Amino acid sequence: MSPALPTAAQLAVTLALVAWMITGFTRRPGRWMRYPLFSRATFVIVTLTGTKDGRTEPVNPYAFLSPGTFLLPPPQLQTVINHLISTGRYDRIDGDGRVLSVKGEQPIEVRDSRVVL
């Protein structure tokens, strides 16, 4: 037998690993992803509109996060909104979106610069 050919044990372990990885990303009731890496994450997907002197424009809260950061949980969203209001960039910020967590998907609103779950 050629040493380049995988053994039956190697093939079985490889197939078991591939099957485990595929089923790890399937849906379960009440969860948006089952893989442990994602089951502990909580973040928002939100559309915000900032108002300054009667004019409105879209606000990208992700632009104010540290480089490489892509998760934005509700408390951090409130911190970004507070920063934008306190610096005078906007008079108020409103919007809506979703919170994704281990509990599933929930609606979220930003009313008068306050995050409301």
PDB file of N, CA and C in Angstrom:
ATOM      1  N   MET A   1       0.829  -1.174   0.000  1.00  0.00           N
ATOM      2  CA  MET A   1       0.000   0.000   0.000  1.00  0.00           C
ATOM      3  C   MET A   1       0.885   1.253   0.000  1.00  0.00           C
ATOM      4  N   SER A   2       0.504   2.239  -0.775  1.00  0.00           N
ATOM      5  CA  SER A   2       1.283   3.462  -0.909  1.00  0.00           C
ATOM      6  C   SER A   2       1.130   4.341   0.340  1.00  0.00           C
ATOM      7  N   PRO A   3       2.214   4.927   0.837  1.00  0.00           N
ATOM      8  CA  PRO A   3       2.122   5.776   2.029  1.00  0.00           C
ATOM      9  C   PRO A   3       1.345   7.070   1.768  1.00  0.00           C
ATOM     10  N   ALA A   4       1.144   7.433   0.508  1.00  0.00           N
ATOM     11  CA  ALA A   4       0.410   8.646   0.180  1.00  0.00           C
ATOM     12  C   ALA A   4      -1.102   8.476   0.347  1.00  0.00           C
ATOM     13  N   LEU A   5      -1.586   7.239   0.356  1.00  0.00           N
ATOM     14  CA  LEU A   5      -3.018   6.986   0.510  1.00  0.00           C
ATOM     15  C   LEU A   5      -3.419   7.077   1.982  1.00  0.00           C
ATOM     16  N   PRO A   6      -4.520   7.769   2.294  1.00  0.00           N
ATOM     17  CA  PRO A   6      -4.965   7.845   3.692  1.00  0.00           C
ATOM     18  C   PRO A   6      -5.523   6.506   4.159  1.00  0.00           C
ATOM     19  N   THR A   7      -5.367   6.225   5.415  1.00  0.00           N
ATOM     20  CA  THR A   7      -5.875   4.974   5.977  1.00  0.00           C
ATOM     21  C   THR A   7      -7.375   5.102   6.215  1.00  0.00           C
ATOM     22  N   ALA A   8      -7.994   3.981   6.484  1.00  0.00           N
ATOM     23  CA  ALA A   8      -9.438   3.980   6.766  1.00  0.00           C
ATOM     24  C   ALA A   8      -9.736   4.797   8.016  1.00  0.00           C
ATOM     25  N   ALA A   9      -8.872   4.756   9.008  1.00  0.00           N
ATOM     26  CA  ALA A   9      -9.075   5.537  10.242  1.00  0.00           C
ATOM     27  C   ALA A   9      -9.001   7.034   9.951  1.00  0.00           C
ATOM     28  N   GLN A  10      -8.044   7.453   9.109  1.00  0.00           N
ATOM     29  CA  GLN A  10      -7.925   8.867   8.751  1.00  0.00           C
ATOM     30  C   GLN A  10      -9.161   9.342   7.995  1.00  0.00           C
ATOM     31  N   LEU A  11      -9.646   8.515   7.084  1.00  0.00           N
ATOM     32  CA  LEU A  11     -10.859   8.878   6.340  1.00  0.00           C
ATOM     33  C   LEU A  11     -12.066   8.977   7.269  1.00  0.00           C
ATOM     34  N   ALA A  12     -12.202   8.042   8.200  1.00  0.00           N
ATOM     35  CA  ALA A  12     -13.332   8.063   9.133  1.00  0.00           C
ATOM     36  C   ALA A  12     -13.289   9.299  10.016  1.00  0.00           C
ATOM     37  N   VAL A  13     -12.109   9.648  10.518  1.00  0.00           N
ATOM     38  CA  VAL A  13     -11.972  10.835  11.362  1.00  0.00           C
ATOM     39  C   VAL A  13     -12.267  12.102  10.551  1.00  0.00           C
ATOM     40  N   THR A  14     -11.784  12.159   9.335  1.00  0.00           N
ATOM     41  CA  THR A  14     -12.038  13.320   8.481  1.00  0.00           C
ATOM     42  C   THR A  14     -13.525  13.472   8.194  1.00  0.00           C
ATOM     43  N   LEU A  15     -14.193  12.392   7.850  1.00  0.00           N
ATOM     44  CA  LEU A  15     -15.631  12.453   7.574  1.00  0.00           C
ATOM     45  C   LEU A  15     -16.418  12.840   8.820  1.00  0.00           C
ATOM     46  N   ALA A  16     -16.031  12.308   9.970  1.00  0.00           N
ATOM     47  CA  ALA A  16     -16.713  12.670  11.222  1.00  0.00           C
ATOM     48  C   ALA A  16     -16.529  14.150  11.533  1.00  0.00           C
ATOM     49  N   LEU A  17     -15.339  14.678  11.319  1.00  0.00           N
ATOM     50  CA  LEU A  17     -15.069  16.090  11.560  1.00  0.00           C
ATOM     51  C   LEU A  17     -15.878  16.979  10.617  1.00  0.00           C
ATOM     52  N   VAL A  18     -15.936  16.630   9.366  1.00  0.00           N
ATOM     53  CA  VAL A  18     -16.718  17.401   8.383  1.00  0.00           C
ATOM     54  C   VAL A  18     -18.203  17.370   8.744  1.00  0.00           C
ATOM     55  N   ALA A  19     -18.730  16.218   9.124  1.00  0.00           N
ATOM     56  CA  ALA A  19     -20.144  16.114   9.518  1.00  0.00           C
ATOM     57  C   ALA A  19     -20.426  16.954  10.759  1.00  0.00           C
ATOM     58  N   TRP A  20     -19.512  16.935  11.729  1.00  0.00           N
ATOM     59  CA  TRP A  20     -19.687  17.739  12.944  1.00  0.00           C
ATOM     60  C   TRP A  20     -19.693  19.228  12.622  1.00  0.00           C
ATOM     61  N   MET A  21     -18.813  19.664  11.717  1.00  0.00           N
ATOM     62  CA  MET A  21     -18.746  21.072  11.340  1.00  0.00           C
ATOM     63  C   MET A  21     -20.011  21.505  10.602  1.00  0.00           C
ATOM     64  N   ILE A  22     -20.531  20.657   9.733  1.00  0.00           N
ATOM     65  CA  ILE A  22     -21.752  20.997   8.989  1.00  0.00           C
ATOM     66  C   ILE A  22     -22.941  21.104   9.926  1.00  0.00           C
ATOM     67  N   THR A  23     -23.103  20.145  10.827  1.00  0.00           N
ATOM     68  CA  THR A  23     -24.255  20.187  11.742  1.00  0.00           C
ATOM     69  C   THR A  23     -24.090  21.266  12.799  1.00  0.00           C
ATOM     70  N   GLY A  24     -22.877  21.711  13.060  1.00  0.00           N
ATOM     71  CA  GLY A  24     -22.647  22.774  14.034  1.00  0.00           C
ATOM     72  C   GLY A  24     -23.212  24.105  13.604  1.00  0.00           C
ATOM     73  N   PHE A  25     -23.398  24.319  12.314  1.00  0.00           N
ATOM     74  CA  PHE A  25     -23.922  25.578  11.810  1.00  0.00           C
ATOM     75  C   PHE A  25     -25.398  25.502  11.428  1.00  0.00           C
ATOM     76  N   THR A  26     -26.078  24.427  11.787  1.00  0.00           N
ATOM     77  CA  THR A  26     -27.503  24.331  11.478  1.00  0.00           C
ATOM     78  C   THR A  26     -28.321  25.062  12.530  1.00  0.00           C
ATOM     79  N   ARG A  27     -29.543  25.391  12.187  1.00  0.00           N
ATOM     80  CA  ARG A  27     -30.413  26.135  13.094  1.00  0.00           C
ATOM     81  C   ARG A  27     -31.027  25.222  14.144  1.00  0.00           C
ATOM     82  N   ARG A  28     -31.217  25.791  15.302  1.00  0.00           N
ATOM     83  CA  ARG A  28     -31.972  25.170  16.372  1.00  0.00           C
ATOM     84  C   ARG A  28     -33.040  26.159  16.781  1.00  0.00           C
ATOM     85  N   PRO A  29     -34.183  25.699  17.254  1.00  0.00           N
ATOM     86  CA  PRO A  29     -35.233  26.642  17.651  1.00  0.00           C
ATOM     87  C   PRO A  29     -34.733  27.645  18.684  1.00  0.00           C
ATOM     88  N   GLY A  30     -34.989  28.937  18.428  1.00  0.00           N
ATOM     89  CA  GLY A  30     -34.596  29.985  19.354  1.00  0.00           C
ATOM     90  C   GLY A  30     -33.167  30.454  19.226  1.00  0.00           C
ATOM     91  N   ARG A  31     -32.425  29.912  18.308  1.00  0.00           N
ATOM     92  CA  ARG A  31     -31.028  30.305  18.151  1.00  0.00           C
ATOM     93  C   ARG A  31     -30.771  30.639  16.690  1.00  0.00           C
ATOM     94  N   TRP A  32     -29.994  31.683  16.460  1.00  0.00           N
ATOM     95  CA  TRP A  32     -29.712  32.048  15.077  1.00  0.00           C
ATOM     96  C   TRP A  32     -28.502  31.295  14.561  1.00  0.00           C
ATOM     97  N   MET A  33     -27.604  30.889  15.413  1.00  0.00           N
ATOM     98  CA  MET A  33     -26.513  29.993  15.024  1.00  0.00           C
ATOM     99  C   MET A  33     -26.187  29.122  16.219  1.00  0.00           C
ATOM    100  N   ARG A  34     -25.745  27.912  15.971  1.00  0.00           N
ATOM    101  CA  ARG A  34     -25.538  26.963  17.040  1.00  0.00           C
ATOM    102  C   ARG A  34     -24.077  26.837  17.455  1.00  0.00           C
ATOM    103  N   TYR A  35     -23.173  27.236  16.623  1.00  0.00           N
ATOM    104  CA  TYR A  35     -21.757  27.082  16.895  1.00  0.00           C
ATOM    105  C   TYR A  35     -21.379  27.876  18.147  1.00  0.00           C
ATOM    106  N   PRO A  36     -20.620  27.332  19.084  1.00  0.00           N
ATOM    107  CA  PRO A  36     -20.324  28.002  20.352  1.00  0.00           C
ATOM    108  C   PRO A  36     -19.732  29.401  20.208  1.00  0.00           C
ATOM    109  N   LEU A  37     -18.952  29.630  19.169  1.00  0.00           N
ATOM    110  CA  LEU A  37     -18.372  30.950  18.965  1.00  0.00           C
ATOM    111  C   LEU A  37     -19.461  32.004  18.836  1.00  0.00           C
ATOM    112  N   PHE A  38     -20.536  31.682  18.133  1.00  0.00           N
ATOM    113  CA  PHE A  38     -21.594  32.642  17.891  1.00  0.00           C
ATOM    114  C   PHE A  38     -22.638  32.654  18.998  1.00  0.00           C
ATOM    115  N   SER A  39     -22.774  31.576  19.740  1.00  0.00           N
ATOM    116  CA  SER A  39     -23.840  31.505  20.725  1.00  0.00           C
ATOM    117  C   SER A  39     -23.611  32.439  21.903  1.00  0.00           C
ATOM    118  N   ARG A  40     -22.414  32.927  22.112  1.00  0.00           N
ATOM    119  CA  ARG A  40     -22.135  33.847  23.208  1.00  0.00           C
ATOM    120  C   ARG A  40     -22.120  35.306  22.747  1.00  0.00           C
ATOM    121  N   ALA A  41     -22.177  35.544  21.483  1.00  0.00           N
ATOM    122  CA  ALA A  41     -22.114  36.902  20.950  1.00  0.00           C
ATOM    123  C   ALA A  41     -23.491  37.567  20.990  1.00  0.00           C
ATOM    124  N   THR A  42     -23.491  38.854  21.299  1.00  0.00           N
ATOM    125  CA  THR A  42     -24.703  39.668  21.235  1.00  0.00           C
ATOM    126  C   THR A  42     -24.337  40.926  20.464  1.00  0.00           C
ATOM    127  N   PHE A  43     -25.068  41.198  19.412  1.00  0.00           N
ATOM    128  CA  PHE A  43     -24.783  42.406  18.645  1.00  0.00           C
ATOM    129  C   PHE A  43     -26.030  42.899  17.946  1.00  0.00           C
ATOM    130  N   VAL A  44     -25.944  44.127  17.450  1.00  0.00           N
ATOM    131  CA  VAL A  44     -27.093  44.750  16.794  1.00  0.00           C
ATOM    132  C   VAL A  44     -26.792  44.988  15.327  1.00  0.00           C
ATOM    133  N   ILE A  45     -27.850  44.936  14.565  1.00  0.00           N
ATOM    134  CA  ILE A  45     -27.837  45.394  13.175  1.00  0.00           C
ATOM    135  C   ILE A  45     -28.863  46.510  13.155  1.00  0.00           C
ATOM    136  N   VAL A  46     -28.415  47.732  12.943  1.00  0.00           N
ATOM    137  CA  VAL A  46     -29.289  48.877  13.150  1.00  0.00           C
ATOM    138  C   VAL A  46     -29.096  49.912  12.042  1.00  0.00           C
ATOM    139  N   THR A  47     -30.178  50.607  11.728  1.00  0.00           N
ATOM    140  CA  THR A  47     -30.156  51.727  10.793  1.00  0.00           C
ATOM    141  C   THR A  47     -30.463  52.983  11.587  1.00  0.00           C
ATOM    142  N   LEU A  48     -29.530  53.922  11.604  1.00  0.00           N
ATOM    143  CA  LEU A  48     -29.689  55.136  12.399  1.00  0.00           C
ATOM    144  C   LEU A  48     -29.756  56.372  11.520  1.00  0.00           C
ATOM    145  N   THR A  49     -30.506  57.360  12.002  1.00  0.00           N
ATOM    146  CA  THR A  49     -30.612  58.653  11.340  1.00  0.00           C
ATOM    147  C   THR A  49     -30.306  59.735  12.359  1.00  0.00           C
ATOM    148  N   GLY A  50     -29.334  60.575  12.052  1.00  0.00           N
ATOM    149  CA  GLY A  50     -28.962  61.662  12.945  1.00  0.00           C
ATOM    150  C   GLY A  50     -29.575  62.970  12.476  1.00  0.00           C
ATOM    151  N   THR A  51     -30.015  63.807  13.437  1.00  0.00           N
ATOM    152  CA  THR A  51     -30.627  65.100  13.132  1.00  0.00           C
ATOM    153  C   THR A  51     -29.769  66.204  13.735  1.00  0.00           C
ATOM    154  N   LYS A  52     -29.415  67.176  12.915  1.00  0.00           N
ATOM    155  CA  LYS A  52     -28.658  68.341  13.361  1.00  0.00           C
ATOM    156  C   LYS A  52     -29.231  69.570  12.676  1.00  0.00           C
ATOM    157  N   ASP A  53     -29.737  70.506  13.476  1.00  0.00           N
ATOM    158  CA  ASP A  53     -30.329  71.751  12.962  1.00  0.00           C
ATOM    159  C   ASP A  53     -31.425  71.485  11.928  1.00  0.00           C
ATOM    160  N   GLY A  54     -32.251  70.480  12.170  1.00  0.00           N
ATOM    161  CA  GLY A  54     -33.366  70.161  11.293  1.00  0.00           C
ATOM    162  C   GLY A  54     -33.014  69.326  10.072  1.00  0.00           C
ATOM    163  N   ARG A  55     -31.743  69.099   9.841  1.00  0.00           N
ATOM    164  CA  ARG A  55     -31.322  68.273   8.700  1.00  0.00           C
ATOM    165  C   ARG A  55     -31.005  66.870   9.193  1.00  0.00           C
ATOM    166  N   THR A  56     -31.372  65.863   8.402  1.00  0.00           N
ATOM    167  CA  THR A  56     -31.118  64.476   8.786  1.00  0.00           C
ATOM    168  C   THR A  56     -30.122  63.841   7.826  1.00  0.00           C
ATOM    169  N   GLU A  57     -29.378  62.885   8.370  1.00  0.00           N
ATOM    170  CA  GLU A  57     -28.446  62.107   7.556  1.00  0.00           C
ATOM    171  C   GLU A  57     -28.245  60.747   8.209  1.00  0.00           C
ATOM    172  N   PRO A  58     -27.889  59.740   7.405  1.00  0.00           N
ATOM    173  CA  PRO A  58     -27.649  58.408   7.986  1.00  0.00           C
ATOM    174  C   PRO A  58     -26.402  58.423   8.868  1.00  0.00           C
ATOM    175  N   VAL A  59     -26.434  57.604   9.925  1.00  0.00           N
ATOM    176  CA  VAL A  59     -25.319  57.490  10.856  1.00  0.00           C
ATOM    177  C   VAL A  59     -24.814  56.055  10.821  1.00  0.00           C
ATOM    178  N   ASN A  60     -23.515  55.892  10.683  1.00  0.00           N
ATOM    179  CA  ASN A  60     -22.893  54.566  10.701  1.00  0.00           C
ATOM    180  C   ASN A  60     -22.176  54.395  12.039  1.00  0.00           C
ATOM    181  N   PRO A  61     -22.803  53.696  13.019  1.00  0.00           N
ATOM    182  CA  PRO A  61     -22.150  53.558  14.324  1.00  0.00           C
ATOM    183  C   PRO A  61     -20.883  52.709  14.275  1.00  0.00           C
ATOM    184  N   TYR A  62     -20.751  51.860  13.275  1.00  0.00           N
ATOM    185  CA  TYR A  62     -19.585  50.996  13.160  1.00  0.00           C
ATOM    186  C   TYR A  62     -18.321  51.791  12.815  1.00  0.00           C
ATOM    187  N   ALA A  63     -18.486  52.982  12.262  1.00  0.00           N
ATOM    188  CA  ALA A  63     -17.336  53.821  11.933  1.00  0.00           C
ATOM    189  C   ALA A  63     -16.642  54.347  13.187  1.00  0.00           C
ATOM    190  N   PHE A  64     -17.305  54.275  14.333  1.00  0.00           N
ATOM    191  CA  PHE A  64     -16.754  54.807  15.575  1.00  0.00           C
ATOM    192  C   PHE A  64     -16.213  53.714  16.492  1.00  0.00           C
ATOM    193  N   LEU A  65     -16.133  52.481  16.004  1.00  0.00           N
ATOM    194  CA  LEU A  65     -15.582  51.375  16.779  1.00  0.00           C
ATOM    195  C   LEU A  65     -14.089  51.248  16.515  1.00  0.00           C
ATOM    196  N   SER A  66     -13.405  50.551  17.378  1.00  0.00           N
ATOM    197  CA  SER A  66     -11.975  50.307  17.188  1.00  0.00           C
ATOM    198  C   SER A  66     -11.759  49.480  15.920  1.00  0.00           C
ATOM    199  N   PRO A  67     -10.638  49.682  15.240  1.00  0.00           N
ATOM    200  CA  PRO A  67     -10.363  48.881  14.043  1.00  0.00           C
ATOM    201  C   PRO A  67     -10.383  47.394  14.374  1.00  0.00           C
ATOM    202  N   GLY A  68     -11.040  46.626  13.527  1.00  0.00           N
ATOM    203  CA  GLY A  68     -11.135  45.192  13.719  1.00  0.00           C
ATOM    204  C   GLY A  68     -12.334  44.761  14.543  1.00  0.00           C
ATOM    205  N   THR A  69     -13.026  45.705  15.160  1.00  0.00           N
ATOM    206  CA  THR A  69     -14.210  45.379  15.951  1.00  0.00           C
ATOM    207  C   THR A  69     -15.415  45.346  15.024  1.00  0.00           C
ATOM    208  N   PHE A  70     -16.181  44.272  15.096  1.00  0.00           N
ATOM    209  CA  PHE A  70     -17.372  44.188  14.255  1.00  0.00           C
ATOM    210  C   PHE A  70     -18.616  43.855  15.052  1.00  0.00           C
ATOM    211  N   LEU A  71     -18.480  43.516  16.342  1.00  0.00           N
ATOM    212  CA  LEU A  71     -19.639  43.254  17.183  1.00  0.00           C
ATOM    213  C   LEU A  71     -20.010  44.528  17.930  1.00  0.00           C
ATOM    214  N   LEU A  72     -21.275  44.862  17.895  1.00  0.00           N
ATOM    215  CA  LEU A  72     -21.760  46.075  18.545  1.00  0.00           C
ATOM    216  C   LEU A  72     -22.953  45.718  19.428  1.00  0.00           C
ATOM    217  N   PRO A  73     -22.720  45.380  20.708  1.00  0.00           N
ATOM    218  CA  PRO A  73     -23.844  45.082  21.599  1.00  0.00           C
ATOM    219  C   PRO A  73     -24.580  46.365  21.984  1.00  0.00           C
ATOM    220  N   PRO A  74     -25.818  46.248  22.481  1.00  0.00           N
ATOM    221  CA  PRO A  74     -26.605  47.438  22.813  1.00  0.00           C
ATOM    222  C   PRO A  74     -25.912  48.446  23.739  1.00  0.00           C
ATOM    223  N   PRO A  75     -25.202  48.039  24.815  1.00  0.00           N
ATOM    224  CA  PRO A  75     -24.545  49.055  25.648  1.00  0.00           C
ATOM    225  C   PRO A  75     -23.477  49.852  24.894  1.00  0.00           C
ATOM    226  N   GLN A  76     -22.757  49.190  24.009  1.00  0.00           N
ATOM    227  CA  GLN A  76     -21.746  49.887  23.217  1.00  0.00           C
ATOM    228  C   GLN A  76     -22.411  50.818  22.204  1.00  0.00           C
ATOM    229  N   LEU A  77     -23.552  50.411  21.652  1.00  0.00           N
ATOM    230  CA  LEU A  77     -24.300  51.282  20.751  1.00  0.00           C
ATOM    231  C   LEU A  77     -24.715  52.549  21.487  1.00  0.00           C
ATOM    232  N   GLN A  78     -25.193  52.407  22.724  1.00  0.00           N
ATOM    233  CA  GLN A  78     -25.586  53.574  23.510  1.00  0.00           C
ATOM    234  C   GLN A  78     -24.386  54.482  23.770  1.00  0.00           C
ATOM    235  N   THR A  79     -23.218  53.902  23.996  1.00  0.00           N
ATOM    236  CA  THR A  79     -22.005  54.696  24.209  1.00  0.00           C
ATOM    237  C   THR A  79     -21.648  55.494  22.961  1.00  0.00           C
ATOM    238  N   VAL A  80     -21.749  54.876  21.799  1.00  0.00           N
ATOM    239  CA  VAL A  80     -21.458  55.586  20.536  1.00  0.00           C
ATOM    240  C   VAL A  80     -22.457  56.721  20.345  1.00  0.00           C
ATOM    241  N   ILE A  81     -23.730  56.457  20.610  1.00  0.00           N
ATOM    242  CA  ILE A  81     -24.757  57.496  20.459  1.00  0.00           C
ATOM    243  C   ILE A  81     -24.497  58.640  21.428  1.00  0.00           C
ATOM    244  N   ASN A  82     -24.173  58.324  22.681  1.00  0.00           N
ATOM    245  CA  ASN A  82     -23.868  59.363  23.672  1.00  0.00           C
ATOM    246  C   ASN A  82     -22.688  60.220  23.227  1.00  0.00           C
ATOM    247  N   HIS A  83     -21.670  59.583  22.656  1.00  0.00           N
ATOM    248  CA  HIS A  83     -20.503  60.323  22.162  1.00  0.00           C
ATOM    249  C   HIS A  83     -20.901  61.286  21.035  1.00  0.00           C
ATOM    250  N   LEU A  84     -21.711  60.815  20.102  1.00  0.00           N
ATOM    251  CA  LEU A  84     -22.116  61.658  18.978  1.00  0.00           C
ATOM    252  C   LEU A  84     -22.968  62.840  19.433  1.00  0.00           C
ATOM    253  N   ILE A  85     -23.789  62.638  20.453  1.00  0.00           N
ATOM    254  CA  ILE A  85     -24.629  63.723  20.973  1.00  0.00           C
ATOM    255  C   ILE A  85     -23.781  64.699  21.781  1.00  0.00           C
ATOM    256  N   SER A  86     -22.904  64.174  22.652  1.00  0.00           N
ATOM    257  CA  SER A  86     -22.112  65.048  23.535  1.00  0.00           C
ATOM    258  C   SER A  86     -21.095  65.889  22.772  1.00  0.00           C
ATOM    259  N   THR A  87     -20.611  65.405  21.640  1.00  0.00           N
ATOM    260  CA  THR A  87     -19.653  66.186  20.849  1.00  0.00           C
ATOM    261  C   THR A  87     -20.340  67.224  19.968  1.00  0.00           C
ATOM    262  N   GLY A  88     -21.678  67.208  19.952  1.00  0.00           N
ATOM    263  CA  GLY A  88     -22.414  68.184  19.155  1.00  0.00           C
ATOM    264  C   GLY A  88     -22.561  67.820  17.699  1.00  0.00           C
ATOM    265  N   ARG A  89     -22.179  66.625  17.352  1.00  0.00           N
ATOM    266  CA  ARG A  89     -22.294  66.208  15.946  1.00  0.00           C
ATOM    267  C   ARG A  89     -23.755  66.102  15.525  1.00  0.00           C
ATOM    268  N   TYR A  90     -24.624  65.641  16.448  1.00  0.00           N
ATOM    269  CA  TYR A  90     -26.054  65.528  16.186  1.00  0.00           C
ATOM    270  C   TYR A  90     -26.828  66.033  17.401  1.00  0.00           C
ATOM    271  N   ASP A  91     -28.038  66.531  17.141  1.00  0.00           N
ATOM    272  CA  ASP A  91     -28.934  66.931  18.226  1.00  0.00           C
ATOM    273  C   ASP A  91     -29.676  65.719  18.774  1.00  0.00           C
ATOM    274  N   ARG A  92     -30.027  64.809  17.898  1.00  0.00           N
ATOM    275  CA  ARG A  92     -30.686  63.568  18.302  1.00  0.00           C
ATOM    276  C   ARG A  92     -30.443  62.499  17.250  1.00  0.00           C
ATOM    277  N   ILE A  93     -30.578  61.244  17.679  1.00  0.00           N
ATOM    278  CA  ILE A  93     -30.396  60.100  16.787  1.00  0.00           C
ATOM    279  C   ILE A  93     -31.570  59.154  16.997  1.00  0.00           C
ATOM    280  N   ASP A  94     -32.139  58.688  15.896  1.00  0.00           N
ATOM    281  CA  ASP A  94     -33.247  57.738  15.922  1.00  0.00           C
ATOM    282  C   ASP A  94     -32.936  56.592  14.971  1.00  0.00           C
ATOM    283  N   GLY A  95     -33.609  55.455  15.180  1.00  0.00           N
ATOM    284  CA  GLY A  95     -33.422  54.332  14.282  1.00  0.00           C
ATOM    285  C   GLY A  95     -34.067  53.074  14.808  1.00  0.00           C
ATOM    286  N   ASP A  96     -33.897  52.004  14.045  1.00  0.00           N
ATOM    287  CA  ASP A  96     -34.431  50.709  14.460  1.00  0.00           C
ATOM    288  C   ASP A  96     -33.577  49.606  13.843  1.00  0.00           C
ATOM    289  N   GLY A  97     -33.751  48.403  14.384  1.00  0.00           N
ATOM    290  CA  GLY A  97     -32.975  47.278  13.889  1.00  0.00           C
ATOM    291  C   GLY A  97     -33.291  46.018  14.663  1.00  0.00           C
ATOM    292  N   ARG A  98     -32.279  45.141  14.766  1.00  0.00           N
ATOM    293  CA  ARG A  98     -32.445  43.844  15.428  1.00  0.00           C
ATOM    294  C   ARG A  98     -31.264  43.586  16.340  1.00  0.00           C
ATOM    295  N   VAL A  99     -31.530  42.855  17.417  1.00  0.00           N
ATOM    296  CA  VAL A  99     -30.486  42.358  18.306  1.00  0.00           C
ATOM    297  C   VAL A  99     -30.382  40.858  18.062  1.00  0.00           C
ATOM    298  N   LEU A 100     -29.190  40.387  17.784  1.00  0.00           N
ATOM    299  CA  LEU A 100     -28.954  38.962  17.571  1.00  0.00           C
ATOM    300  C   LEU A 100     -28.156  38.435  18.752  1.00  0.00           C
ATOM    301  N   SER A 101     -28.680  37.392  19.378  1.00  0.00           N
ATOM    302  CA  SER A 101     -28.008  36.816  20.543  1.00  0.00           C
ATOM    303  C   SER A 101     -28.396  35.351  20.666  1.00  0.00           C
ATOM    304  N   VAL A 102     -27.987  34.739  21.765  1.00  0.00           N
ATOM    305  CA  VAL A 102     -28.317  33.349  22.018  1.00  0.00           C
ATOM    306  C   VAL A 102     -29.825  33.174  22.180  1.00  0.00           C
ATOM    307  N   LYS A 103     -30.530  34.239  22.524  1.00  0.00           N
ATOM    308  CA  LYS A 103     -31.988  34.193  22.681  1.00  0.00           C
ATOM    309  C   LYS A 103     -32.715  34.299  21.343  1.00  0.00           C
ATOM    310  N   GLY A 104     -31.997  34.463  20.277  1.00  0.00           N
ATOM    311  CA  GLY A 104     -32.607  34.616  18.957  1.00  0.00           C
ATOM    312  C   GLY A 104     -32.545  36.063  18.504  1.00  0.00           C
ATOM    313  N   GLU A 105     -33.520  36.445  17.730  1.00  0.00           N
ATOM    314  CA  GLU A 105     -33.566  37.778  17.143  1.00  0.00           C
ATOM    315  C   GLU A 105     -34.659  38.587  17.816  1.00  0.00           C
ATOM    316  N   GLN A 106     -34.329  39.805  18.266  1.00  0.00           N
ATOM    317  CA  GLN A 106     -35.290  40.675  18.930  1.00  0.00           C
ATOM    318  C   GLN A 106     -35.219  42.058  18.304  1.00  0.00           C
ATOM    319  N   PRO A 107     -36.342  42.776  18.272  1.00  0.00           N
ATOM    320  CA  PRO A 107     -36.307  44.136  17.734  1.00  0.00           C
ATOM    321  C   PRO A 107     -35.633  45.103  18.708  1.00  0.00           C
ATOM    322  N   ILE A 108     -35.037  46.144  18.151  1.00  0.00           N
ATOM    323  CA  ILE A 108     -34.421  47.209  18.948  1.00  0.00           C
ATOM    324  C   ILE A 108     -34.768  48.536  18.295  1.00  0.00           C
ATOM    325  N   GLU A 109     -34.944  49.557  19.109  1.00  0.00           N
ATOM    326  CA  GLU A 109     -35.219  50.905  18.603  1.00  0.00           C
ATOM    327  C   GLU A 109     -34.291  51.898  19.270  1.00  0.00           C
ATOM    328  N   VAL A 110     -34.008  52.963  18.571  1.00  0.00           N
ATOM    329  CA  VAL A 110     -33.311  54.100  19.141  1.00  0.00           C
ATOM    330  C   VAL A 110     -34.274  55.269  19.009  1.00  0.00           C
ATOM    331  N   ARG A 111     -34.776  55.732  20.157  1.00  0.00           N
ATOM    332  CA  ARG A 111     -35.734  56.844  20.176  1.00  0.00           C
ATOM    333  C   ARG A 111     -35.152  57.980  20.975  1.00  0.00           C
ATOM    334  N   ASP A 112     -35.069  59.145  20.379  1.00  0.00           N
ATOM    335  CA  ASP A 112     -34.554  60.344  21.038  1.00  0.00           C
ATOM    336  C   ASP A 112     -33.200  60.045  21.687  1.00  0.00           C
ATOM    337  N   SER A 113     -32.319  59.384  20.949  1.00  0.00           N
ATOM    338  CA  SER A 113     -30.947  59.072  21.346  1.00  0.00           C
ATOM    339  C   SER A 113     -30.828  58.074  22.479  1.00  0.00           C
ATOM    340  N   ARG A 114     -31.860  57.267  22.718  1.00  0.00           N
ATOM    341  CA  ARG A 114     -31.834  56.234  23.748  1.00  0.00           C
ATOM    342  C   ARG A 114     -32.128  54.874  23.119  1.00  0.00           C
ATOM    343  N   VAL A 115     -31.322  53.869  23.461  1.00  0.00           N
ATOM    344  CA  VAL A 115     -31.522  52.512  22.964  1.00  0.00           C
ATOM    345  C   VAL A 115     -32.635  51.868  23.767  1.00  0.00           C
ATOM    346  N   VAL A 116     -33.661  51.354  23.064  1.00  0.00           N
ATOM    347  CA  VAL A 116     -34.814  50.718  23.704  1.00  0.00           C
ATOM    348  C   VAL A 116     -34.938  49.294  23.148  1.00  0.00           C
ATOM    349  N   LEU A 117     -34.870  48.328  24.063  1.00  0.00           N
ATOM    350  CA  LEU A 117     -35.015  46.929  23.636  1.00  0.00           C
ATOM    351  C   LEU A 117     -36.455  46.510  23.677  1.00  0.00           C
TER     352      LEU A 117
END
